[in-house]
Structures are given as structure tokens and as C-alpha cells.
């Protein structure tokens, strides 16, 4: 399930760097993290849902690549988003 519009707008407003910023790395990481949290909770109750598990693994990989990019470009922004979202590595 995709994020509802209100929740998505709230995340974009919190992590955007400008007024019309919806595609910066921080916003993308925050939106992916929210989807990862949702899928993790879904898989706790639906243990045999392997297609959702595959989707979760793809999202984790995508977030990892975005975080690697952010770390190479701006370490302070990387550390800020990592601490704010509670991402471990």
C-alpha cells in the first residue's frame, strides 16, 4: 500500500530543502523509510507474504544506495538524516 497523501505531504514538508522540493535525497530517503516501516509491520502479521518481502528488500537496497550517494556528496546532511530517521548504518 502506498502512503496516504496527508502523510506524504507531512514528510515532504519536514525534510524538503526548499518550497517546491519533492525529490531531494533526504525526502526520498524519508519516504522510503516510511514504506519500509509499513512493510515490516505488515510482514510481522503476514509471514508468508513473499512478494511483499521481496519488495521490502528492494526498498532497503534503494535506500542504501541513496544514503551512499548522500554520504559521498554531503556528510553533514547524511549524518542529520541518519540520526533523525534512526537508520543504523
PDB file of N, CA and C in Angstrom:
ATOM      1  N   UNK A   1       0.839  -1.182   0.000  1.00  0.00           N
ATOM      2  CA  UNK A   1       0.000   0.000   0.000  1.00  0.00           C
ATOM      3  C   UNK A   1       0.880   1.240   0.000  1.00  0.00           C
ATOM      4  N   UNK A   2       0.538   2.199  -0.803  1.00  0.00           N
ATOM      5  CA  UNK A   2       1.274   3.453  -0.862  1.00  0.00           C
ATOM      6  C   UNK A   2       0.884   4.335   0.329  1.00  0.00           C
ATOM      7  N   UNK A   3       1.710   5.310   0.594  1.00  0.00           N
ATOM      8  CA  UNK A   3       1.417   6.241   1.676  1.00  0.00           C
ATOM      9  C   UNK A   3       0.223   7.110   1.313  1.00  0.00           C
ATOM     10  N   UNK A   4      -0.595   7.458   2.318  1.00  0.00           N
ATOM     11  CA  UNK A   4      -1.701   8.359   2.017  1.00  0.00           C
ATOM     12  C   UNK A   4      -1.148   9.774   1.801  1.00  0.00           C
ATOM     13  N   UNK A   5      -1.914  10.586   1.127  1.00  0.00           N
ATOM     14  CA  UNK A   5      -1.444  11.886   0.671  1.00  0.00           C
ATOM     15  C   UNK A   5      -1.058  12.800   1.822  1.00  0.00           C
ATOM     16  N   UNK A   6      -1.833  12.779   2.902  1.00  0.00           N
ATOM     17  CA  UNK A   6      -1.544  13.666   4.031  1.00  0.00           C
ATOM     18  C   UNK A   6      -0.217  13.312   4.681  1.00  0.00           C
ATOM     19  N   UNK A   7       0.024  12.023   4.869  1.00  0.00           N
ATOM     20  CA  UNK A   7       1.279  11.583   5.483  1.00  0.00           C
ATOM     21  C   UNK A   7       2.467  11.918   4.579  1.00  0.00           C
ATOM     22  N   UNK A   8       2.285  11.727   3.275  1.00  0.00           N
ATOM     23  CA  UNK A   8       3.349  12.014   2.319  1.00  0.00           C
ATOM     24  C   UNK A   8       3.680  13.507   2.312  1.00  0.00           C
ATOM     25  N   UNK A   9       2.655  14.364   2.326  1.00  0.00           N
ATOM     26  CA  UNK A   9       2.885  15.805   2.342  1.00  0.00           C
ATOM     27  C   UNK A   9       3.580  16.243   3.630  1.00  0.00           C
ATOM     28  N   UNK A  10       3.237  15.592   4.742  1.00  0.00           N
ATOM     29  CA  UNK A  10       3.872  15.906   6.022  1.00  0.00           C
ATOM     30  C   UNK A  10       5.365  15.579   5.983  1.00  0.00           C
ATOM     31  N   UNK A  11       5.703  14.419   5.415  1.00  0.00           N
ATOM     32  CA  UNK A  11       7.109  14.016   5.316  1.00  0.00           C
ATOM     33  C   UNK A  11       7.861  14.954   4.386  1.00  0.00           C
ATOM     34  N   UNK A  12       7.251  15.295   3.254  1.00  0.00           N
ATOM     35  CA  UNK A  12       7.900  16.202   2.305  1.00  0.00           C
ATOM     36  C   UNK A  12       8.141  17.562   2.945  1.00  0.00           C
ATOM     37  N   UNK A  13       7.160  18.065   3.691  1.00  0.00           N
ATOM     38  CA  UNK A  13       7.313  19.366   4.342  1.00  0.00           C
ATOM     39  C   UNK A  13       8.421  19.345   5.386  1.00  0.00           C
ATOM     40  N   UNK A  14       8.579  18.225   6.067  1.00  0.00           N
ATOM     41  CA  UNK A  14       9.577  18.133   7.130  1.00  0.00           C
ATOM     42  C   UNK A  14      10.998  18.043   6.580  1.00  0.00           C
ATOM     43  N   UNK A  15      11.191  17.294   5.504  1.00  0.00           N
ATOM     44  CA  UNK A  15      12.547  17.019   5.031  1.00  0.00           C
ATOM     45  C   UNK A  15      12.944  17.790   3.781  1.00  0.00           C
ATOM     46  N   UNK A  16      12.052  18.569   3.202  1.00  0.00           N
ATOM     47  CA  UNK A  16      12.410  19.286   1.976  1.00  0.00           C
ATOM     48  C   UNK A  16      13.382  20.419   2.293  1.00  0.00           C
ATOM     49  N   UNK A  17      14.187  20.739   1.304  1.00  0.00           N
ATOM     50  CA  UNK A  17      15.189  21.794   1.470  1.00  0.00           C
ATOM     51  C   UNK A  17      14.707  23.125   0.935  1.00  0.00           C
ATOM     52  N   UNK A  18      13.618  23.110   0.194  1.00  0.00           N
ATOM     53  CA  UNK A  18      13.052  24.340  -0.363  1.00  0.00           C
ATOM     54  C   UNK A  18      11.546  24.242  -0.404  1.00  0.00           C
ATOM     55  N   UNK A  19      10.931  25.242  -1.016  1.00  0.00           N
ATOM     56  CA  UNK A  19       9.469  25.285  -1.039  1.00  0.00           C
ATOM     57  C   UNK A  19       8.869  24.200  -1.928  1.00  0.00           C
ATOM     58  N   UNK A  20       9.402  24.027  -3.113  1.00  0.00           N
ATOM     59  CA  UNK A  20       8.859  23.054  -4.052  1.00  0.00           C
ATOM     60  C   UNK A  20       9.738  21.810  -4.172  1.00  0.00           C
ATOM     61  N   UNK A  21      10.489  21.504  -3.150  1.00  0.00           N
ATOM     62  CA  UNK A  21      11.422  20.381  -3.181  1.00  0.00           C
ATOM     63  C   UNK A  21      10.694  19.091  -2.814  1.00  0.00           C
ATOM     64  N   UNK A  22      10.553  18.206  -3.789  1.00  0.00           N
ATOM     65  CA  UNK A  22       9.933  16.909  -3.504  1.00  0.00           C
ATOM     66  C   UNK A  22      10.840  15.756  -3.884  1.00  0.00           C
ATOM     67  N   UNK A  23      11.985  16.036  -4.499  1.00  0.00           N
ATOM     68  CA  UNK A  23      12.819  14.957  -4.996  1.00  0.00           C
ATOM     69  C   UNK A  23      14.221  14.938  -4.457  1.00  0.00           C
ATOM     70  N   UNK A  24      14.519  15.740  -3.436  1.00  0.00           N
ATOM     71  CA  UNK A  24      15.875  15.714  -2.898  1.00  0.00           C
ATOM     72  C   UNK A  24      16.127  14.369  -2.221  1.00  0.00           C
ATOM     73  N   UNK A  25      17.366  14.084  -2.019  1.00  0.00           N
ATOM     74  CA  UNK A  25      17.752  12.793  -1.466  1.00  0.00           C
ATOM     75  C   UNK A  25      17.139  12.573  -0.088  1.00  0.00           C
ATOM     76  N   UNK A  26      17.093  13.614   0.739  1.00  0.00           N
ATOM     77  CA  UNK A  26      16.531  13.465   2.075  1.00  0.00           C
ATOM     78  C   UNK A  26      15.055  13.099   2.028  1.00  0.00           C
ATOM     79  N   UNK A  27      14.312  13.736   1.132  1.00  0.00           N
ATOM     80  CA  UNK A  27      12.880  13.454   1.003  1.00  0.00           C
ATOM     81  C   UNK A  27      12.679  12.024   0.521  1.00  0.00           C
ATOM     82  N   UNK A  28      13.470  11.609  -0.464  1.00  0.00           N
ATOM     83  CA  UNK A  28      13.358  10.247  -0.978  1.00  0.00           C
ATOM     84  C   UNK A  28      13.653   9.220   0.099  1.00  0.00           C
ATOM     85  N   UNK A  29      14.706   9.451   0.880  1.00  0.00           N
ATOM     86  CA  UNK A  29      15.071   8.516   1.947  1.00  0.00           C
ATOM     87  C   UNK A  29      13.972   8.455   3.007  1.00  0.00           C
ATOM     88  N   UNK A  30      13.403   9.605   3.361  1.00  0.00           N
ATOM     89  CA  UNK A  30      12.347   9.632   4.371  1.00  0.00           C
ATOM     90  C   UNK A  30      11.103   8.886   3.900  1.00  0.00           C
ATOM     91  N   UNK A  31      10.720   9.071   2.634  1.00  0.00           N
ATOM     92  CA  UNK A  31       9.545   8.378   2.101  1.00  0.00           C
ATOM     93  C   UNK A  31       9.785   6.873   2.021  1.00  0.00           C
ATOM     94  N   UNK A  32      10.956   6.480   1.589  1.00  0.00           N
ATOM     95  CA  UNK A  32      11.279   5.046   1.517  1.00  0.00           C
ATOM     96  C   UNK A  32      11.305   4.446   2.917  1.00  0.00           C
ATOM     97  N   UNK A  33      11.840   5.173   3.884  1.00  0.00           N
ATOM     98  CA  UNK A  33      11.888   4.678   5.252  1.00  0.00           C
ATOM     99  C   UNK A  33      10.486   4.448   5.795  1.00  0.00           C
ATOM    100  N   UNK A  34       9.570   5.343   5.488  1.00  0.00           N
ATOM    101  CA  UNK A  34       8.185   5.174   5.948  1.00  0.00           C
ATOM    102  C   UNK A  34       7.554   3.931   5.335  1.00  0.00           C
ATOM    103  N   UNK A  35       7.826   3.685   4.050  1.00  0.00           N
ATOM    104  CA  UNK A  35       7.311   2.476   3.403  1.00  0.00           C
ATOM    105  C   UNK A  35       7.945   1.217   3.997  1.00  0.00           C
ATOM    106  N   UNK A  36       9.236   1.296   4.336  1.00  0.00           N
ATOM    107  CA  UNK A  36       9.924   0.153   4.944  1.00  0.00           C
ATOM    108  C   UNK A  36       9.299  -0.175   6.295  1.00  0.00           C
ATOM    109  N   UNK A  37       8.996   0.834   7.075  1.00  0.00           N
ATOM    110  CA  UNK A  37       8.373   0.622   8.383  1.00  0.00           C
ATOM    111  C   UNK A  37       7.009  -0.040   8.217  1.00  0.00           C
ATOM    112  N   UNK A  38       6.229   0.439   7.236  1.00  0.00           N
ATOM    113  CA  UNK A  38       4.911  -0.146   6.996  1.00  0.00           C
ATOM    114  C   UNK A  38       5.031  -1.612   6.589  1.00  0.00           C
ATOM    115  N   UNK A  39       5.924  -1.910   5.661  1.00  0.00           N
ATOM    116  CA  UNK A  39       6.073  -3.290   5.189  1.00  0.00           C
ATOM    117  C   UNK A  39       6.607  -4.211   6.284  1.00  0.00           C
ATOM    118  N   UNK A  40       7.461  -3.693   7.140  1.00  0.00           N
ATOM    119  CA  UNK A  40       7.978  -4.501   8.246  1.00  0.00           C
ATOM    120  C   UNK A  40       6.847  -4.911   9.181  1.00  0.00           C
ATOM    121  N   UNK A  41       5.973  -3.970   9.504  1.00  0.00           N
ATOM    122  CA  UNK A  41       4.823  -4.296  10.345  1.00  0.00           C
ATOM    123  C   UNK A  41       3.880  -5.274   9.644  1.00  0.00           C
ATOM    124  N   UNK A  42       3.689  -5.092   8.343  1.00  0.00           N
ATOM    125  CA  UNK A  42       2.836  -5.988   7.567  1.00  0.00           C
ATOM    126  C   UNK A  42       3.381  -7.413   7.590  1.00  0.00           C
ATOM    127  N   UNK A  43       4.692  -7.542   7.464  1.00  0.00           N
ATOM    128  CA  UNK A  43       5.296  -8.875   7.409  1.00  0.00           C
ATOM    129  C   UNK A  43       5.342  -9.556   8.776  1.00  0.00           C
ATOM    130  N   UNK A  44       5.204  -8.793   9.850  1.00  0.00           N
ATOM    131  CA  UNK A  44       5.127  -9.423  11.174  1.00  0.00           C
ATOM    132  C   UNK A  44       3.844 -10.222  11.327  1.00  0.00           C
ATOM    133  N   UNK A  45       2.767  -9.754  10.691  1.00  0.00           N
ATOM    134  CA  UNK A  45       1.497 -10.465  10.796  1.00  0.00           C
ATOM    135  C   UNK A  45       1.273 -11.425   9.630  1.00  0.00           C
ATOM    136  N   UNK A  46       1.868 -11.135   8.465  1.00  0.00           N
ATOM    137  CA  UNK A  46       1.701 -11.977   7.278  1.00  0.00           C
ATOM    138  C   UNK A  46       3.049 -12.593   6.911  1.00  0.00           C
ATOM    139  N   UNK A  47       3.426 -13.617   7.626  1.00  0.00           N
ATOM    140  CA  UNK A  47       4.765 -14.183   7.493  1.00  0.00           C
ATOM    141  C   UNK A  47       5.016 -14.849   6.144  1.00  0.00           C
ATOM    142  N   UNK A  48       3.976 -15.279   5.451  1.00  0.00           N
ATOM    143  CA  UNK A  48       4.158 -15.999   4.191  1.00  0.00           C
ATOM    144  C   UNK A  48       4.007 -15.116   2.958  1.00  0.00           C
ATOM    145  N   UNK A  49       3.952 -13.824   3.145  1.00  0.00           N
ATOM    146  CA  UNK A  49       3.784 -12.897   2.030  1.00  0.00           C
ATOM    147  C   UNK A  49       5.152 -12.611   1.409  1.00  0.00           C
ATOM    148  N   UNK A  50       5.575 -13.502   0.532  1.00  0.00           N
ATOM    149  CA  UNK A  50       6.927 -13.414  -0.014  1.00  0.00           C
ATOM    150  C   UNK A  50       7.082 -12.296  -1.033  1.00  0.00           C
ATOM    151  N   UNK A  51       6.031 -11.930  -1.727  1.00  0.00           N
ATOM    152  CA  UNK A  51       6.151 -10.833  -2.691  1.00  0.00           C
ATOM    153  C   UNK A  51       6.373  -9.497  -1.973  1.00  0.00           C
ATOM    154  N   UNK A  52       5.732  -9.311  -0.831  1.00  0.00           N
ATOM    155  CA  UNK A  52       5.976  -8.095  -0.055  1.00  0.00           C
ATOM    156  C   UNK A  52       7.373  -8.110   0.541  1.00  0.00           C
ATOM    157  N   UNK A  53       7.855  -9.282   0.907  1.00  0.00           N
ATOM    158  CA  UNK A  53       9.213  -9.397   1.443  1.00  0.00           C
ATOM    159  C   UNK A  53      10.234  -9.001   0.372  1.00  0.00           C
ATOM    160  N   UNK A  54       9.999  -9.419  -0.862  1.00  0.00           N
ATOM    161  CA  UNK A  54      10.887  -9.044  -1.955  1.00  0.00           C
ATOM    162  C   UNK A  54      10.851  -7.533  -2.184  1.00  0.00           C
ATOM    163  N   UNK A  55       9.664  -6.965  -2.138  1.00  0.00           N
ATOM    164  CA  UNK A  55       9.539  -5.512  -2.269  1.00  0.00           C
ATOM    165  C   UNK A  55      10.266  -4.779  -1.162  1.00  0.00           C
ATOM    166  N   UNK A  56      10.193  -5.309   0.055  1.00  0.00           N
ATOM    167  CA  UNK A  56      10.893  -4.709   1.190  1.00  0.00           C
ATOM    168  C   UNK A  56      12.398  -4.737   0.961  1.00  0.00           C
ATOM    169  N   UNK A  57      12.912  -5.844   0.491  1.00  0.00           N
ATOM    170  CA  UNK A  57      14.348  -5.944   0.243  1.00  0.00           C
ATOM    171  C   UNK A  57      14.786  -4.973  -0.853  1.00  0.00           C
ATOM    172  N   UNK A  58      13.959  -4.781  -1.875  1.00  0.00           N
ATOM    173  CA  UNK A  58      14.284  -3.819  -2.923  1.00  0.00           C
ATOM    174  C   UNK A  58      14.303  -2.393  -2.369  1.00  0.00           C
ATOM    175  N   UNK A  59      13.351  -2.077  -1.495  1.00  0.00           N
ATOM    176  CA  UNK A  59      13.313  -0.747  -0.901  1.00  0.00           C
ATOM    177  C   UNK A  59      14.529  -0.496  -0.019  1.00  0.00           C
ATOM    178  N   UNK A  60      14.935  -1.507   0.738  1.00  0.00           N
ATOM    179  CA  UNK A  60      16.106  -1.357   1.600  1.00  0.00           C
ATOM    180  C   UNK A  60      17.350  -1.106   0.747  1.00  0.00           C
ATOM    181  N   UNK A  61      17.470  -1.824  -0.361  1.00  0.00           N
ATOM    182  CA  UNK A  61      18.609  -1.614  -1.253  1.00  0.00           C
ATOM    183  C   UNK A  61      18.596  -0.235  -1.888  1.00  0.00           C
ATOM    184  N   UNK A  62      17.421   0.226  -2.278  1.00  0.00           N
ATOM    185  CA  UNK A  62      17.305   1.556  -2.868  1.00  0.00           C
ATOM    186  C   UNK A  62      17.675   2.623  -1.848  1.00  0.00           C
ATOM    187  N   UNK A  63      17.217   2.466  -0.616  1.00  0.00           N
ATOM    188  CA  UNK A  63      17.561   3.435   0.431  1.00  0.00           C
ATOM    189  C   UNK A  63      19.053   3.410   0.714  1.00  0.00           C
ATOM    190  N   UNK A  64      19.640   2.232   0.700  1.00  0.00           N
ATOM    191  CA  UNK A  64      21.079   2.105   0.946  1.00  0.00           C
ATOM    192  C   UNK A  64      21.880   2.853  -0.129  1.00  0.00           C
ATOM    193  N   UNK A  65      21.451   2.717  -1.404  1.00  0.00           N
ATOM    194  CA  UNK A  65      22.144   3.420  -2.485  1.00  0.00           C
ATOM    195  C   UNK A  65      21.996   4.929  -2.349  1.00  0.00           C
ATOM    196  N   UNK A  66      20.810   5.401  -1.980  1.00  0.00           N
ATOM    197  CA  UNK A  66      20.609   6.838  -1.785  1.00  0.00           C
ATOM    198  C   UNK A  66      21.450   7.369  -0.625  1.00  0.00           C
ATOM    199  N   UNK A  67      21.543   6.586   0.443  1.00  0.00           N
ATOM    200  CA  UNK A  67      22.341   7.011   1.589  1.00  0.00           C
ATOM    201  C   UNK A  67      23.829   7.038   1.233  1.00  0.00           C
ATOM    202  N   UNK A  68      24.277   6.080   0.434  1.00  0.00           N
ATOM    203  CA  UNK A  68      25.670   6.070  -0.008  1.00  0.00           C
ATOM    204  C   UNK A  68      25.976   7.307  -0.853  1.00  0.00           C
ATOM    205  N   UNK A  69      25.042   7.668  -1.725  1.00  0.00           N
ATOM    206  CA  UNK A  69      25.204   8.871  -2.542  1.00  0.00           C
ATOM    207  C   UNK A  69      25.264  10.113  -1.658  1.00  0.00           C
ATOM    208  N   UNK A  70      24.363  10.209  -0.702  1.00  0.00           N
ATOM    209  CA  UNK A  70      24.319  11.375   0.179  1.00  0.00           C
ATOM    210  C   UNK A  70      25.593  11.470   1.010  1.00  0.00           C
ATOM    211  N   UNK A  71      26.115  10.340   1.440  1.00  0.00           N
ATOM    212  CA  UNK A  71      27.352  10.330   2.232  1.00  0.00           C
ATOM    213  C   UNK A  71      28.518  10.844   1.412  1.00  0.00           C
ATOM    214  N   UNK A  72      28.564  10.501   0.129  1.00  0.00           N
ATOM    215  CA  UNK A  72      29.668  10.960  -0.712  1.00  0.00           C
ATOM    216  C   UNK A  72      29.542  12.437  -1.059  1.00  0.00           C
ATOM    217  N   UNK A  73      28.315  12.959  -1.118  1.00  0.00           N
ATOM    218  CA  UNK A  73      28.112  14.355  -1.506  1.00  0.00           C
ATOM    219  C   UNK A  73      28.175  15.326  -0.336  1.00  0.00           C
ATOM    220  N   UNK A  74      27.515  14.983   0.782  1.00  0.00           N
ATOM    221  CA  UNK A  74      27.441  15.911   1.908  1.00  0.00           C
ATOM    222  C   UNK A  74      27.301  15.116   3.199  1.00  0.00           C
ATOM    223  N   UNK A  75      28.389  14.978   3.922  1.00  0.00           N
ATOM    224  CA  UNK A  75      28.414  14.140   5.118  1.00  0.00           C
ATOM    225  C   UNK A  75      27.534  14.693   6.239  1.00  0.00           C
ATOM    226  N   UNK A  76      27.431  16.010   6.353  1.00  0.00           N
ATOM    227  CA  UNK A  76      26.611  16.575   7.426  1.00  0.00           C
ATOM    228  C   UNK A  76      25.127  16.274   7.200  1.00  0.00           C
ATOM    229  N   UNK A  77      24.664  16.385   5.955  1.00  0.00           N
ATOM    230  CA  UNK A  77      23.263  16.041   5.646  1.00  0.00           C
ATOM    231  C   UNK A  77      23.025  14.553   5.862  1.00  0.00           C
ATOM    232  N   UNK A  78      24.014  13.732   5.520  1.00  0.00           N
ATOM    233  CA  UNK A  78      23.919  12.287   5.732  1.00  0.00           C
ATOM    234  C   UNK A  78      23.741  11.980   7.214  1.00  0.00           C
ATOM    235  N   UNK A  79      24.586  12.576   8.050  1.00  0.00           N
ATOM    236  CA  UNK A  79      24.506  12.322   9.494  1.00  0.00           C
ATOM    237  C   UNK A  79      23.197  12.828  10.080  1.00  0.00           C
ATOM    238  N   UNK A  80      22.713  13.964   9.582  1.00  0.00           N
ATOM    239  CA  UNK A  80      21.463  14.533  10.110  1.00  0.00           C
ATOM    240  C   UNK A  80      20.265  13.619   9.787  1.00  0.00           C
ATOM    241  N   UNK A  81      20.164  13.165   8.537  1.00  0.00           N
ATOM    242  CA  UNK A  81      19.022  12.333   8.160  1.00  0.00           C
ATOM    243  C   UNK A  81      19.115  10.966   8.824  1.00  0.00           C
ATOM    244  N   UNK A  82      20.320  10.460   8.981  1.00  0.00           N
ATOM    245  CA  UNK A  82      20.522   9.167   9.621  1.00  0.00           C
ATOM    246  C   UNK A  82      20.076   9.214  11.088  1.00  0.00           C
ATOM    247  N   UNK A  83      20.458  10.273  11.781  1.00  0.00           N
ATOM    248  CA  UNK A  83      20.079  10.409  13.184  1.00  0.00           C
ATOM    249  C   UNK A  83      18.584  10.661  13.334  1.00  0.00           C
ATOM    250  N   UNK A  84      18.016  11.456  12.437  1.00  0.00           N
ATOM    251  CA  UNK A  84      16.608  11.824  12.545  1.00  0.00           C
ATOM    252  C   UNK A  84      15.690  10.644  12.277  1.00  0.00           C
ATOM    253  N   UNK A  85      16.051   9.802  11.302  1.00  0.00           N
ATOM    254  CA  UNK A  85      15.204   8.673  10.954  1.00  0.00           C
ATOM    255  C   UNK A  85      15.553   7.405  11.728  1.00  0.00           C
ATOM    256  N   UNK A  86      16.675   7.409  12.425  1.00  0.00           N
ATOM    257  CA  UNK A  86      17.069   6.226  13.200  1.00  0.00           C
ATOM    258  C   UNK A  86      17.598   5.099  12.336  1.00  0.00           C
ATOM    259  N   UNK A  87      18.265   5.453  11.238  1.00  0.00           N
ATOM    260  CA  UNK A  87      18.847   4.445  10.366  1.00  0.00           C
ATOM    261  C   UNK A  87      20.192   4.047  10.953  1.00  0.00           C
ATOM    262  N   UNK A  88      20.444   2.744  11.019  1.00  0.00           N
ATOM    263  CA  UNK A  88      21.623   2.267  11.716  1.00  0.00           C
ATOM    264  C   UNK A  88      22.922   2.506  10.984  1.00  0.00           C
ATOM    265  N   UNK A  89      23.018   2.087   9.729  1.00  0.00           N
ATOM    266  CA  UNK A  89      24.334   2.140   9.100  1.00  0.00           C
ATOM    267  C   UNK A  89      24.374   3.086   7.963  1.00  0.00           C
TER     268      UNK A  89
END
